[in-house]
Amino acid sequence: MSSRNGTEAVRSWHFILHVQDPLTAEQVDVLAGLDQFADGDLGLEQGPGRSLFTCYLDAPTLTGAIADALARFEYFPGVLIRSVELSEYSLAYNGMATSAVVPAPG
C-alpha cells in the first residue's frame, strides 16, 4: 500500500476499539451492509455485555491507522467508540513492547 506522499513507510498496525454500548442485533445487521467495514480490517467481537472491534490497518503511523478506523464509524450512526486499547499483543505486534512500556494499573 502506498502512502499519500510516497515517502513514508507503511506498516500494519493492531489495536482494539471498544464500543460504548454493546451492539444490538439491528446494528449488527446494518454493519453487515456497510462497505467501510467489508475489507476485514475491523473485525467485530461480541461477548456478554460487550462489543469491540479488533483492528489491523495499514498506515504510516499508529495515529493514522486509528484515525482511519474511527473515520469509518461516521457511516455507522448510533455507535460510539469508548476507548482505544493497545494490549500486550498490540504492543508486541506494533513493535512497541519494550521495558519502558508499563501497563496501566488495573
N, C-alpha and C. Protein backbone atom coordinates (compact mmCIF):
# COMPACT_ATOMS: atom_id res chain seq x y z
N MET A 1 0.85 -1.16 0.00
CA MET A 1 0.00 0.00 0.00
C MET A 1 0.90 1.23 0.00
N SER A 2 0.58 2.22 -0.81
CA SER A 2 1.41 3.41 -0.87
C SER A 2 0.83 4.51 0.00
N SER A 3 1.71 5.36 0.50
CA SER A 3 1.26 6.47 1.31
C SER A 3 0.92 7.65 0.42
N ARG A 4 0.31 8.67 1.01
CA ARG A 4 -0.14 9.84 0.25
C ARG A 4 1.00 10.53 -0.47
N ASN A 5 2.10 10.75 0.20
CA ASN A 5 3.19 11.48 -0.46
C ASN A 5 4.28 10.55 -0.99
N GLY A 6 4.13 9.27 -0.78
CA GLY A 6 5.06 8.30 -1.34
C GLY A 6 6.38 8.16 -0.61
N THR A 7 6.61 8.92 0.46
CA THR A 7 7.90 8.86 1.15
C THR A 7 7.85 8.13 2.48
N GLU A 8 6.67 7.97 3.05
CA GLU A 8 6.57 7.32 4.35
C GLU A 8 6.37 5.82 4.19
N ALA A 9 7.06 5.06 5.04
CA ALA A 9 6.87 3.61 5.03
C ALA A 9 5.52 3.28 5.65
N VAL A 10 4.83 2.37 5.04
CA VAL A 10 3.53 1.96 5.56
C VAL A 10 3.72 0.67 6.34
N ARG A 11 3.13 0.65 7.53
CA ARG A 11 3.19 -0.53 8.40
C ARG A 11 1.79 -1.03 8.66
N SER A 12 1.71 -2.26 9.11
CA SER A 12 0.44 -2.83 9.55
C SER A 12 0.36 -2.66 11.06
N TRP A 13 -0.77 -2.08 11.54
CA TRP A 13 -0.95 -1.78 12.96
C TRP A 13 -2.08 -2.59 13.54
N HIS A 14 -1.97 -2.95 14.81
CA HIS A 14 -3.01 -3.69 15.52
C HIS A 14 -3.43 -2.89 16.75
N PHE A 15 -4.75 -2.81 16.97
CA PHE A 15 -5.29 -2.18 18.17
C PHE A 15 -6.75 -2.61 18.29
N ILE A 16 -7.35 -2.26 19.41
CA ILE A 16 -8.74 -2.65 19.69
C ILE A 16 -9.56 -1.40 19.96
N LEU A 17 -10.73 -1.32 19.34
CA LEU A 17 -11.68 -0.24 19.60
C LEU A 17 -12.81 -0.80 20.44
N HIS A 18 -13.04 -0.21 21.61
CA HIS A 18 -14.13 -0.63 22.49
C HIS A 18 -15.34 0.25 22.22
N VAL A 19 -16.47 -0.38 21.99
CA VAL A 19 -17.72 0.32 21.72
C VAL A 19 -18.35 0.72 23.05
N GLN A 20 -18.97 1.91 23.07
CA GLN A 20 -19.57 2.40 24.31
C GLN A 20 -20.66 1.46 24.83
N ASP A 21 -21.55 1.00 23.96
CA ASP A 21 -22.62 0.08 24.34
C ASP A 21 -22.57 -1.13 23.43
N PRO A 22 -22.92 -2.31 23.92
CA PRO A 22 -22.95 -3.49 23.05
C PRO A 22 -23.86 -3.25 21.85
N LEU A 23 -23.45 -3.76 20.70
CA LEU A 23 -24.26 -3.60 19.50
C LEU A 23 -25.55 -4.40 19.62
N THR A 24 -26.61 -3.84 19.09
CA THR A 24 -27.89 -4.55 19.03
C THR A 24 -27.90 -5.43 17.79
N ALA A 25 -28.85 -6.34 17.73
CA ALA A 25 -28.99 -7.20 16.54
C ALA A 25 -29.21 -6.35 15.29
N GLU A 26 -29.97 -5.28 15.42
CA GLU A 26 -30.23 -4.40 14.28
C GLU A 26 -28.95 -3.71 13.82
N GLN A 27 -28.11 -3.27 14.78
CA GLN A 27 -26.85 -2.64 14.41
C GLN A 27 -25.91 -3.62 13.73
N VAL A 28 -25.90 -4.86 14.18
CA VAL A 28 -25.07 -5.88 13.54
C VAL A 28 -25.53 -6.10 12.10
N ASP A 29 -26.83 -6.07 11.86
CA ASP A 29 -27.36 -6.19 10.50
C ASP A 29 -26.92 -5.02 9.63
N VAL A 30 -26.97 -3.80 10.19
CA VAL A 30 -26.52 -2.62 9.44
C VAL A 30 -25.04 -2.75 9.12
N LEU A 31 -24.26 -3.17 10.09
CA LEU A 31 -22.82 -3.33 9.91
C LEU A 31 -22.51 -4.25 8.74
N ALA A 32 -23.27 -5.32 8.61
CA ALA A 32 -23.03 -6.30 7.54
C ALA A 32 -23.18 -5.67 6.16
N GLY A 33 -23.92 -4.58 6.04
CA GLY A 33 -24.13 -3.94 4.75
C GLY A 33 -23.26 -2.72 4.49
N LEU A 34 -22.37 -2.39 5.41
CA LEU A 34 -21.53 -1.20 5.25
C LEU A 34 -20.23 -1.54 4.53
N ASP A 35 -20.01 -0.89 3.38
CA ASP A 35 -18.80 -1.12 2.60
C ASP A 35 -17.53 -0.76 3.37
N GLN A 36 -17.62 0.23 4.27
CA GLN A 36 -16.45 0.68 5.02
C GLN A 36 -15.89 -0.39 5.95
N PHE A 37 -16.69 -1.42 6.22
CA PHE A 37 -16.25 -2.50 7.11
C PHE A 37 -16.07 -3.83 6.37
N ALA A 38 -16.27 -3.81 5.06
CA ALA A 38 -16.27 -5.06 4.28
C ALA A 38 -14.87 -5.60 4.00
N ASP A 39 -13.83 -4.79 4.16
CA ASP A 39 -12.48 -5.24 3.81
C ASP A 39 -11.84 -6.14 4.87
N GLY A 40 -12.48 -6.28 6.02
CA GLY A 40 -11.96 -7.15 7.07
C GLY A 40 -10.90 -6.52 7.95
N ASP A 41 -10.60 -5.24 7.75
CA ASP A 41 -9.60 -4.57 8.58
C ASP A 41 -10.08 -4.39 10.02
N LEU A 42 -11.40 -4.28 10.20
CA LEU A 42 -12.00 -4.14 11.52
C LEU A 42 -12.93 -5.33 11.73
N GLY A 43 -12.64 -6.15 12.71
CA GLY A 43 -13.44 -7.34 12.97
C GLY A 43 -14.23 -7.20 14.26
N LEU A 44 -15.52 -7.37 14.17
CA LEU A 44 -16.39 -7.28 15.34
C LEU A 44 -16.24 -8.52 16.21
N GLU A 45 -16.07 -8.28 17.51
CA GLU A 45 -16.10 -9.35 18.51
C GLU A 45 -17.15 -8.98 19.53
N GLN A 46 -18.00 -9.95 19.87
CA GLN A 46 -19.04 -9.71 20.86
C GLN A 46 -19.01 -10.78 21.94
N GLY A 47 -19.35 -10.36 23.13
CA GLY A 47 -19.45 -11.25 24.26
C GLY A 47 -20.56 -10.75 25.16
N PRO A 48 -20.79 -11.40 26.25
CA PRO A 48 -21.85 -10.94 27.15
C PRO A 48 -21.62 -9.49 27.60
N GLY A 49 -22.51 -8.61 27.17
CA GLY A 49 -22.45 -7.21 27.59
C GLY A 49 -21.33 -6.39 26.99
N ARG A 50 -20.71 -6.85 25.90
CA ARG A 50 -19.62 -6.08 25.31
C ARG A 50 -19.54 -6.28 23.80
N SER A 51 -19.05 -5.27 23.14
CA SER A 51 -18.72 -5.32 21.71
C SER A 51 -17.42 -4.57 21.52
N LEU A 52 -16.56 -5.10 20.67
CA LEU A 52 -15.31 -4.43 20.35
C LEU A 52 -14.93 -4.78 18.93
N PHE A 53 -14.03 -3.98 18.39
CA PHE A 53 -13.51 -4.21 17.05
C PHE A 53 -12.01 -4.42 17.14
N THR A 54 -11.55 -5.57 16.67
CA THR A 54 -10.12 -5.83 16.55
C THR A 54 -9.69 -5.27 15.20
N CYS A 55 -8.67 -4.43 15.21
CA CYS A 55 -8.28 -3.70 14.01
C CYS A 55 -6.87 -4.06 13.56
N TYR A 56 -6.73 -4.31 12.28
CA TYR A 56 -5.44 -4.48 11.62
C TYR A 56 -5.48 -3.56 10.41
N LEU A 57 -4.78 -2.43 10.50
CA LEU A 57 -4.82 -1.45 9.42
C LEU A 57 -3.42 -1.07 8.99
N ASP A 58 -3.28 -0.76 7.71
CA ASP A 58 -2.02 -0.30 7.15
C ASP A 58 -2.01 1.22 7.12
N ALA A 59 -0.95 1.82 7.64
CA ALA A 59 -0.79 3.28 7.66
C ALA A 59 0.66 3.59 8.03
N PRO A 60 1.11 4.79 7.70
CA PRO A 60 2.47 5.17 8.08
C PRO A 60 2.66 5.26 9.60
N THR A 61 1.59 5.64 10.34
CA THR A 61 1.70 5.80 11.79
C THR A 61 0.53 5.14 12.49
N LEU A 62 0.72 4.84 13.77
CA LEU A 62 -0.36 4.28 14.57
C LEU A 62 -1.52 5.26 14.67
N THR A 63 -1.22 6.54 14.88
CA THR A 63 -2.31 7.52 14.97
C THR A 63 -3.07 7.63 13.66
N GLY A 64 -2.39 7.48 12.56
CA GLY A 64 -3.06 7.48 11.26
C GLY A 64 -3.98 6.28 11.10
N ALA A 65 -3.53 5.12 11.57
CA ALA A 65 -4.36 3.92 11.50
C ALA A 65 -5.60 4.06 12.38
N ILE A 66 -5.42 4.61 13.59
CA ILE A 66 -6.56 4.82 14.49
C ILE A 66 -7.53 5.82 13.88
N ALA A 67 -7.02 6.89 13.30
CA ALA A 67 -7.89 7.89 12.66
C ALA A 67 -8.68 7.27 11.51
N ASP A 68 -8.04 6.41 10.72
CA ASP A 68 -8.73 5.72 9.63
C ASP A 68 -9.87 4.86 10.17
N ALA A 69 -9.58 4.10 11.22
CA ALA A 69 -10.60 3.23 11.81
C ALA A 69 -11.77 4.05 12.35
N LEU A 70 -11.47 5.10 13.09
CA LEU A 70 -12.52 5.92 13.68
C LEU A 70 -13.37 6.62 12.61
N ALA A 71 -12.75 7.01 11.52
CA ALA A 71 -13.49 7.67 10.44
C ALA A 71 -14.56 6.76 9.84
N ARG A 72 -14.35 5.47 9.87
CA ARG A 72 -15.33 4.54 9.32
C ARG A 72 -16.65 4.55 10.10
N PHE A 73 -16.58 4.94 11.37
CA PHE A 73 -17.79 4.95 12.19
C PHE A 73 -18.71 6.11 11.86
N GLU A 74 -18.25 7.05 11.06
CA GLU A 74 -19.12 8.12 10.57
C GLU A 74 -20.29 7.53 9.79
N TYR A 75 -20.08 6.38 9.18
CA TYR A 75 -21.10 5.71 8.38
C TYR A 75 -21.92 4.71 9.19
N PHE A 76 -21.68 4.67 10.49
CA PHE A 76 -22.34 3.71 11.37
C PHE A 76 -23.03 4.48 12.50
N PRO A 77 -24.13 5.17 12.18
CA PRO A 77 -24.78 6.04 13.17
C PRO A 77 -25.21 5.28 14.42
N GLY A 78 -25.09 5.98 15.55
CA GLY A 78 -25.53 5.41 16.81
C GLY A 78 -24.50 4.55 17.51
N VAL A 79 -23.35 4.34 16.89
CA VAL A 79 -22.29 3.53 17.50
C VAL A 79 -21.14 4.46 17.87
N LEU A 80 -20.83 4.50 19.14
CA LEU A 80 -19.76 5.36 19.63
C LEU A 80 -18.60 4.53 20.17
N ILE A 81 -17.40 4.98 19.90
CA ILE A 81 -16.20 4.31 20.40
C ILE A 81 -15.85 4.91 21.75
N ARG A 82 -15.75 4.06 22.75
CA ARG A 82 -15.44 4.47 24.13
C ARG A 82 -13.94 4.62 24.34
N SER A 83 -13.15 3.70 23.77
CA SER A 83 -11.71 3.76 24.00
C SER A 83 -10.96 2.95 22.95
N VAL A 84 -9.67 3.25 22.87
CA VAL A 84 -8.73 2.52 22.02
C VAL A 84 -7.77 1.80 22.95
N GLU A 85 -7.59 0.51 22.73
CA GLU A 85 -6.72 -0.29 23.59
C GLU A 85 -5.52 -0.79 22.81
N LEU A 86 -4.36 -0.67 23.42
CA LEU A 86 -3.15 -1.34 22.94
C LEU A 86 -2.83 -2.41 23.96
N SER A 87 -3.22 -3.63 23.65
CA SER A 87 -2.99 -4.75 24.56
C SER A 87 -1.53 -5.17 24.50
N GLU A 88 -1.15 -6.12 25.35
CA GLU A 88 0.22 -6.64 25.30
C GLU A 88 0.52 -7.18 23.90
N TYR A 89 -0.47 -7.86 23.31
CA TYR A 89 -0.29 -8.37 21.94
C TYR A 89 -0.10 -7.21 20.98
N SER A 90 -0.94 -6.16 21.12
CA SER A 90 -0.83 -5.00 20.23
C SER A 90 0.54 -4.37 20.33
N LEU A 91 1.03 -4.19 21.55
CA LEU A 91 2.34 -3.57 21.73
C LEU A 91 3.43 -4.41 21.06
N ALA A 92 3.35 -5.72 21.22
CA ALA A 92 4.35 -6.59 20.59
C ALA A 92 4.21 -6.57 19.07
N TYR A 93 2.97 -6.68 18.56
CA TYR A 93 2.71 -6.69 17.12
C TYR A 93 3.18 -5.38 16.49
N ASN A 94 2.95 -4.27 17.18
CA ASN A 94 3.31 -2.95 16.66
C ASN A 94 4.79 -2.61 16.87
N GLY A 95 5.54 -3.53 17.50
CA GLY A 95 6.94 -3.29 17.73
C GLY A 95 7.18 -2.25 18.82
N MET A 96 6.24 -2.15 19.75
CA MET A 96 6.32 -1.14 20.80
C MET A 96 6.54 -1.77 22.17
N ALA A 97 6.70 -3.06 22.25
CA ALA A 97 6.85 -3.74 23.54
C ALA A 97 8.30 -3.61 23.99
N THR A 98 8.52 -2.71 24.90
CA THR A 98 9.86 -2.51 25.45
C THR A 98 9.73 -2.45 26.98
N SER A 99 10.85 -2.46 27.63
CA SER A 99 10.82 -2.39 29.09
C SER A 99 10.33 -1.02 29.56
N ALA A 100 10.31 -0.03 28.66
CA ALA A 100 9.84 1.32 29.03
C ALA A 100 8.33 1.41 29.00
N VAL A 101 7.67 0.44 28.39
CA VAL A 101 6.21 0.45 28.32
C VAL A 101 5.67 -0.36 29.48
N VAL A 102 4.93 0.32 30.34
CA VAL A 102 4.38 -0.32 31.53
C VAL A 102 2.86 -0.31 31.41
N PRO A 103 2.20 -1.45 31.64
CA PRO A 103 0.74 -1.47 31.55
C PRO A 103 0.11 -0.53 32.58
N ALA A 104 -1.04 0.00 32.21
CA ALA A 104 -1.78 0.88 33.13
C ALA A 104 -2.22 0.08 34.34
N PRO A 105 -2.30 0.71 35.51
CA PRO A 105 -2.76 -0.01 36.70
C PRO A 105 -4.17 -0.55 36.51
N GLY A 106 -4.41 -1.74 37.00
CA GLY A 106 -5.71 -2.40 36.84
C GLY A 106 -6.66 -1.90 37.81
